[in-house]
Amino acid sequence: MRPEDHEGTGGDGLPVPMAWMYSEYLADRMLASGDLMEPATLEYRAGRDALALTVFLSDGAAADGLPVARVDELRLLTAYGGSWRRWVCARLEAWERPAAPAGLPDPDLALARAAWRWLEETEFLAADLDAITAPWDAPDGRDEEGEVRVWTPAWQLGLPLGHMAVHLC
């Protein structure tokens, strides 16, 4: 294995995606410490990717090692009813990094975009959270034990999981 230099590239000049890898590591540690989901599940991956994207795209959160102010920022960004999806799309669109050597793509941004693509394109058959009502609010004739299920993009399941993990930090 060749030693890495201080420019963020391996010995053969290939860029190393350290910022993304660190964001993913932080997201993984937050989810694992919350013990909210089995790490081998797709739901866990959705939560990790949503949280890693949030850490990566928020200004320098990964580099700061998540101080308390950053945890508060992550709570706000991942809150229910927020505009997280629009925020991610806008940040990915406007992301500016130092020019990569010899026209190579930014490896951090490439991994972040791949994670976003997976979160957008992957769907889970899950409970329709908008259709859930309290048993006393259920319309007549509706089975109180019945569950309405809909196809939901992975980010819509991963984001609340990431939000809960941030709250448990």
C-alpha atoms as a PDB file:
ATOM      1  CA  MET A   1       0.000   0.000   0.000  1.00  0.00           C
ATOM      2  CA  ARG A   2       1.403   3.344  -1.001  1.00  0.00           C
ATOM      3  CA  PRO A   3       1.515   6.145   1.563  1.00  0.00           C
ATOM      4  CA  GLU A   4      -0.889   9.032   1.142  1.00  0.00           C
ATOM      5  CA  ASP A   5       0.426  12.529   0.695  1.00  0.00           C
ATOM      6  CA  HIS A   6      -1.038  15.635   2.313  1.00  0.00           C
ATOM      7  CA  GLU A   7      -2.925  16.682  -0.813  1.00  0.00           C
ATOM      8  CA  GLY A   8      -5.638  14.063  -0.300  1.00  0.00           C
ATOM      9  CA  THR A   9      -4.445  11.755  -3.039  1.00  0.00           C
ATOM     10  CA  GLY A  10      -2.987   8.277  -2.894  1.00  0.00           C
ATOM     11  CA  GLY A  11       0.511   7.455  -4.105  1.00  0.00           C
ATOM     12  CA  ASP A  12      -0.652   7.089  -7.722  1.00  0.00           C
ATOM     13  CA  GLY A  13      -2.423  10.468  -7.772  1.00  0.00           C
ATOM     14  CA  LEU A  14      -5.964   9.187  -7.272  1.00  0.00           C
ATOM     15  CA  PRO A  15      -8.080  11.433  -5.045  1.00  0.00           C
ATOM     16  CA  VAL A  16      -9.207  10.000  -1.707  1.00  0.00           C
ATOM     17  CA  PRO A  17     -12.771  10.945  -0.653  1.00  0.00           C
ATOM     18  CA  MET A  18     -11.887  11.699   2.973  1.00  0.00           C
ATOM     19  CA  ALA A  19     -14.619  14.287   3.634  1.00  0.00           C
ATOM     20  CA  TRP A  20     -17.369  11.929   2.455  1.00  0.00           C
ATOM     21  CA  MET A  21     -15.883   8.951   4.268  1.00  0.00           C
ATOM     22  CA  TYR A  22     -15.694  10.945   7.502  1.00  0.00           C
ATOM     23  CA  SER A  23     -19.287  12.169   7.098  1.00  0.00           C
ATOM     24  CA  GLU A  24     -20.408   8.597   6.541  1.00  0.00           C
ATOM     25  CA  TYR A  25     -18.415   7.446   9.574  1.00  0.00           C
ATOM     26  CA  LEU A  26     -20.032  10.110  11.794  1.00  0.00           C
ATOM     27  CA  ALA A  27     -23.502   9.188  10.535  1.00  0.00           C
ATOM     28  CA  ASP A  28     -22.810   5.506  11.127  1.00  0.00           C
ATOM     29  CA  ARG A  29     -21.582   6.157  14.683  1.00  0.00           C
ATOM     30  CA  MET A  30     -24.651   8.270  15.504  1.00  0.00           C
ATOM     31  CA  LEU A  31     -27.028   5.602  14.197  1.00  0.00           C
ATOM     32  CA  ALA A  32     -25.150   2.761  15.882  1.00  0.00           C
ATOM     33  CA  SER A  33     -25.024   4.536  19.235  1.00  0.00           C
ATOM     34  CA  GLY A  34     -28.788   5.153  19.079  1.00  0.00           C
ATOM     35  CA  ASP A  35     -29.413   1.427  18.485  1.00  0.00           C
ATOM     36  CA  LEU A  36     -32.464   2.350  16.408  1.00  0.00           C
ATOM     37  CA  MET A  37     -32.140  -0.196  13.616  1.00  0.00           C
ATOM     38  CA  GLU A  38     -30.131  -3.271  12.717  1.00  0.00           C
ATOM     39  CA  PRO A  39     -27.066  -2.147  10.721  1.00  0.00           C
ATOM     40  CA  ALA A  40     -27.633  -4.821   8.055  1.00  0.00           C
ATOM     41  CA  THR A  41     -30.991  -3.393   6.936  1.00  0.00           C
ATOM     42  CA  LEU A  42     -31.740  -1.148   4.000  1.00  0.00           C
ATOM     43  CA  GLU A  43     -33.538   1.215   6.358  1.00  0.00           C
ATOM     44  CA  TYR A  44     -30.299   1.664   8.304  1.00  0.00           C
ATOM     45  CA  ARG A  45     -28.472   2.428   5.060  1.00  0.00           C
ATOM     46  CA  ALA A  46     -31.126   4.997   4.172  1.00  0.00           C
ATOM     47  CA  GLY A  47     -30.692   6.648   7.567  1.00  0.00           C
ATOM     48  CA  ARG A  48     -26.912   6.591   7.315  1.00  0.00           C
ATOM     49  CA  ASP A  49     -26.871   8.023   3.802  1.00  0.00           C
ATOM     50  CA  ALA A  50     -29.407  10.749   4.644  1.00  0.00           C
ATOM     51  CA  LEU A  51     -27.456  11.727   7.746  1.00  0.00           C
ATOM     52  CA  ALA A  52     -24.095  11.530   5.953  1.00  0.00           C
ATOM     53  CA  LEU A  53     -25.416  13.809   3.192  1.00  0.00           C
ATOM     54  CA  THR A  54     -26.624  16.272   5.803  1.00  0.00           C
ATOM     55  CA  VAL A  55     -23.261  16.266   7.591  1.00  0.00           C
ATOM     56  CA  PHE A  56     -21.310  16.492   4.336  1.00  0.00           C
ATOM     57  CA  LEU A  57     -23.361  19.293   2.809  1.00  0.00           C
ATOM     58  CA  SER A  58     -23.644  21.420   5.945  1.00  0.00           C
ATOM     59  CA  ASP A  59     -20.730  23.839   5.968  1.00  0.00           C
ATOM     60  CA  GLY A  60     -17.767  22.016   7.428  1.00  0.00           C
ATOM     61  CA  ALA A  61     -19.699  19.866   9.907  1.00  0.00           C
ATOM     62  CA  ALA A  62     -17.494  16.857   9.241  1.00  0.00           C
ATOM     63  CA  ALA A  63     -14.314  18.852   9.578  1.00  0.00           C
ATOM     64  CA  ASP A  64     -15.446  20.299  12.918  1.00  0.00           C
ATOM     65  CA  GLY A  65     -16.006  16.897  14.501  1.00  0.00           C
ATOM     66  CA  LEU A  66     -19.647  17.764  15.291  1.00  0.00           C
ATOM     67  CA  PRO A  67     -19.552  20.263  18.148  1.00  0.00           C
ATOM     68  CA  VAL A  68     -22.820  21.006  19.941  1.00  0.00           C
ATOM     69  CA  ALA A  69     -23.700  23.850  17.532  1.00  0.00           C
ATOM     70  CA  ARG A  70     -23.423  21.418  14.610  1.00  0.00           C
ATOM     71  CA  VAL A  71     -25.619  18.850  16.359  1.00  0.00           C
ATOM     72  CA  ASP A  72     -28.268  21.557  16.780  1.00  0.00           C
ATOM     73  CA  GLU A  73     -27.912  22.425  13.105  1.00  0.00           C
ATOM     74  CA  LEU A  74     -28.328  18.758  12.144  1.00  0.00           C
ATOM     75  CA  ARG A  75     -31.482  18.567  14.278  1.00  0.00           C
ATOM     76  CA  LEU A  76     -32.955  21.546  12.429  1.00  0.00           C
ATOM     77  CA  LEU A  77     -31.953  20.286   8.988  1.00  0.00           C
ATOM     78  CA  THR A  78     -33.401  16.802   9.525  1.00  0.00           C
ATOM     79  CA  ALA A  79     -36.612  17.928  11.277  1.00  0.00           C
ATOM     80  CA  TYR A  80     -39.949  16.646   9.995  1.00  0.00           C
ATOM     81  CA  GLY A  81     -41.744  19.044   7.719  1.00  0.00           C
ATOM     82  CA  GLY A  82     -38.557  20.822   6.726  1.00  0.00           C
ATOM     83  CA  SER A  83     -37.347  21.294   3.219  1.00  0.00           C
ATOM     84  CA  TRP A  84     -34.466  18.824   3.493  1.00  0.00           C
ATOM     85  CA  ARG A  85     -34.906  17.428  -0.026  1.00  0.00           C
ATOM     86  CA  ARG A  86     -34.820  20.900  -1.620  1.00  0.00           C
ATOM     87  CA  TRP A  87     -31.861  21.824   0.597  1.00  0.00           C
ATOM     88  CA  VAL A  88     -29.895  18.737  -0.523  1.00  0.00           C
ATOM     89  CA  CYS A  89     -30.662  19.340  -4.216  1.00  0.00           C
ATOM     90  CA  ALA A  90     -29.641  22.993  -3.957  1.00  0.00           C
ATOM     91  CA  ARG A  91     -26.430  22.194  -2.057  1.00  0.00           C
ATOM     92  CA  LEU A  92     -25.404  19.470  -4.502  1.00  0.00           C
ATOM     93  CA  GLU A  93     -26.113  21.806  -7.405  1.00  0.00           C
ATOM     94  CA  ALA A  94     -24.085  24.667  -5.958  1.00  0.00           C
ATOM     95  CA  TRP A  95     -21.284  22.623  -4.421  1.00  0.00           C
ATOM     96  CA  GLU A  96     -17.928  24.125  -5.261  1.00  0.00           C
ATOM     97  CA  ARG A  97     -14.692  22.373  -4.458  1.00  0.00           C
ATOM     98  CA  PRO A  98     -11.107  23.117  -5.447  1.00  0.00           C
ATOM     99  CA  ALA A  99     -10.387  21.904  -8.944  1.00  0.00           C
ATOM    100  CA  ALA A 100      -9.450  18.245  -9.088  1.00  0.00           C
ATOM    101  CA  PRO A 101      -6.082  17.404 -10.687  1.00  0.00           C
ATOM    102  CA  ALA A 102      -6.047  16.539 -14.388  1.00  0.00           C
ATOM    103  CA  GLY A 103      -9.808  16.861 -14.776  1.00  0.00           C
ATOM    104  CA  LEU A 104     -10.569  14.046 -12.357  1.00  0.00           C
ATOM    105  CA  PRO A 105     -13.957  14.370 -10.673  1.00  0.00           C
ATOM    106  CA  ASP A 106     -14.157  15.324  -6.993  1.00  0.00           C
ATOM    107  CA  PRO A 107     -14.442  11.915  -5.290  1.00  0.00           C
ATOM    108  CA  ASP A 108     -16.317  13.313  -2.269  1.00  0.00           C
ATOM    109  CA  LEU A 109     -18.944  14.944  -4.434  1.00  0.00           C
ATOM    110  CA  ALA A 110     -19.221  11.837  -6.621  1.00  0.00           C
ATOM    111  CA  LEU A 111     -19.963   9.665  -3.574  1.00  0.00           C
ATOM    112  CA  ALA A 112     -22.418  12.215  -2.178  1.00  0.00           C
ATOM    113  CA  ARG A 113     -24.268  12.314  -5.498  1.00  0.00           C
ATOM    114  CA  ALA A 114     -24.302   8.511  -5.680  1.00  0.00           C
ATOM    115  CA  ALA A 115     -25.793   8.372  -2.177  1.00  0.00           C
ATOM    116  CA  TRP A 116     -28.424  10.940  -3.154  1.00  0.00           C
ATOM    117  CA  ARG A 117     -29.281   9.010  -6.329  1.00  0.00           C
ATOM    118  CA  TRP A 118     -29.767   5.838  -4.241  1.00  0.00           C
ATOM    119  CA  LEU A 119     -31.940   7.692  -1.712  1.00  0.00           C
ATOM    120  CA  GLU A 120     -34.096   9.189  -4.493  1.00  0.00           C
ATOM    121  CA  GLU A 121     -34.428   6.107  -6.715  1.00  0.00           C
ATOM    122  CA  THR A 122     -34.821   3.378  -4.100  1.00  0.00           C
ATOM    123  CA  GLU A 123     -38.306   2.891  -2.731  1.00  0.00           C
ATOM    124  CA  PHE A 124     -39.551   0.916   0.255  1.00  0.00           C
ATOM    125  CA  LEU A 125     -43.036  -0.455   0.809  1.00  0.00           C
ATOM    126  CA  ALA A 126     -43.742   1.190   4.140  1.00  0.00           C
ATOM    127  CA  ALA A 127     -46.563   2.384   6.338  1.00  0.00           C
ATOM    128  CA  ASP A 128     -48.174   5.539   5.008  1.00  0.00           C
ATOM    129  CA  LEU A 129     -47.387   7.938   7.831  1.00  0.00           C
ATOM    130  CA  ASP A 130     -49.821  10.502   6.435  1.00  0.00           C
ATOM    131  CA  ALA A 131     -52.670   7.957   6.609  1.00  0.00           C
ATOM    132  CA  ILE A 132     -52.058   6.925  10.211  1.00  0.00           C
ATOM    133  CA  THR A 133     -54.746   8.151  12.573  1.00  0.00           C
ATOM    134  CA  ALA A 134     -55.465   7.486  16.190  1.00  0.00           C
ATOM    135  CA  PRO A 135     -57.955   4.617  16.708  1.00  0.00           C
ATOM    136  CA  TRP A 136     -60.595   7.063  17.960  1.00  0.00           C
ATOM    137  CA  ASP A 137     -60.125   9.165  14.801  1.00  0.00           C
ATOM    138  CA  ALA A 138     -60.426   6.216  12.418  1.00  0.00           C
ATOM    139  CA  PRO A 139     -63.326   6.566   9.973  1.00  0.00           C
ATOM    140  CA  ASP A 140     -66.222   4.138  10.399  1.00  0.00           C
ATOM    141  CA  GLY A 141     -65.644   0.796   8.718  1.00  0.00           C
ATOM    142  CA  ARG A 142     -61.880   1.129   8.741  1.00  0.00           C
ATOM    143  CA  ASP A 143     -59.929  -1.695  10.314  1.00  0.00           C
ATOM    144  CA  GLU A 144     -58.064  -0.195  13.259  1.00  0.00           C
ATOM    145  CA  GLU A 145     -55.395  -2.886  12.981  1.00  0.00           C
ATOM    146  CA  GLY A 146     -55.066  -2.465   9.213  1.00  0.00           C
ATOM    147  CA  GLU A 147     -52.114  -0.595   7.878  1.00  0.00           C
ATOM    148  CA  VAL A 148     -52.027   1.426   4.709  1.00  0.00           C
ATOM    149  CA  ARG A 149     -48.748   0.832   2.880  1.00  0.00           C
ATOM    150  CA  VAL A 150     -47.270   2.918   0.088  1.00  0.00           C
ATOM    151  CA  TRP A 151     -44.061   2.998  -1.912  1.00  0.00           C
ATOM    152  CA  THR A 152     -41.843   5.586  -0.246  1.00  0.00           C
ATOM    153  CA  PRO A 153     -38.473   6.967  -1.406  1.00  0.00           C
ATOM    154  CA  ALA A 154     -35.610   5.802   0.811  1.00  0.00           C
ATOM    155  CA  TRP A 155     -34.786   9.330   1.926  1.00  0.00           C
ATOM    156  CA  GLN A 156     -38.272   9.732   3.439  1.00  0.00           C
ATOM    157  CA  LEU A 157     -37.589   6.779   5.738  1.00  0.00           C
ATOM    158  CA  GLY A 158     -33.915   7.510   6.311  1.00  0.00           C
ATOM    159  CA  LEU A 159     -34.328  11.142   7.279  1.00  0.00           C
ATOM    160  CA  PRO A 160     -36.510  10.537  10.384  1.00  0.00           C
ATOM    161  CA  LEU A 161     -34.164   7.744  11.433  1.00  0.00           C
ATOM    162  CA  GLY A 162     -31.209  10.111  11.113  1.00  0.00           C
ATOM    163  CA  HIS A 163     -33.117  12.805  13.000  1.00  0.00           C
ATOM    164  CA  MET A 164     -33.785  10.435  15.898  1.00  0.00           C
ATOM    165  CA  ALA A 165     -30.120   9.416  15.954  1.00  0.00           C
ATOM    166  CA  VAL A 166     -29.061  13.068  16.161  1.00  0.00           C
ATOM    167  CA  HIS A 167     -31.446  13.609  19.078  1.00  0.00           C
ATOM    168  CA  LEU A 168     -29.863  10.672  20.911  1.00  0.00           C
ATOM    169  CA  CYS A 169     -26.351  12.154  20.577  1.00  0.00           C
END
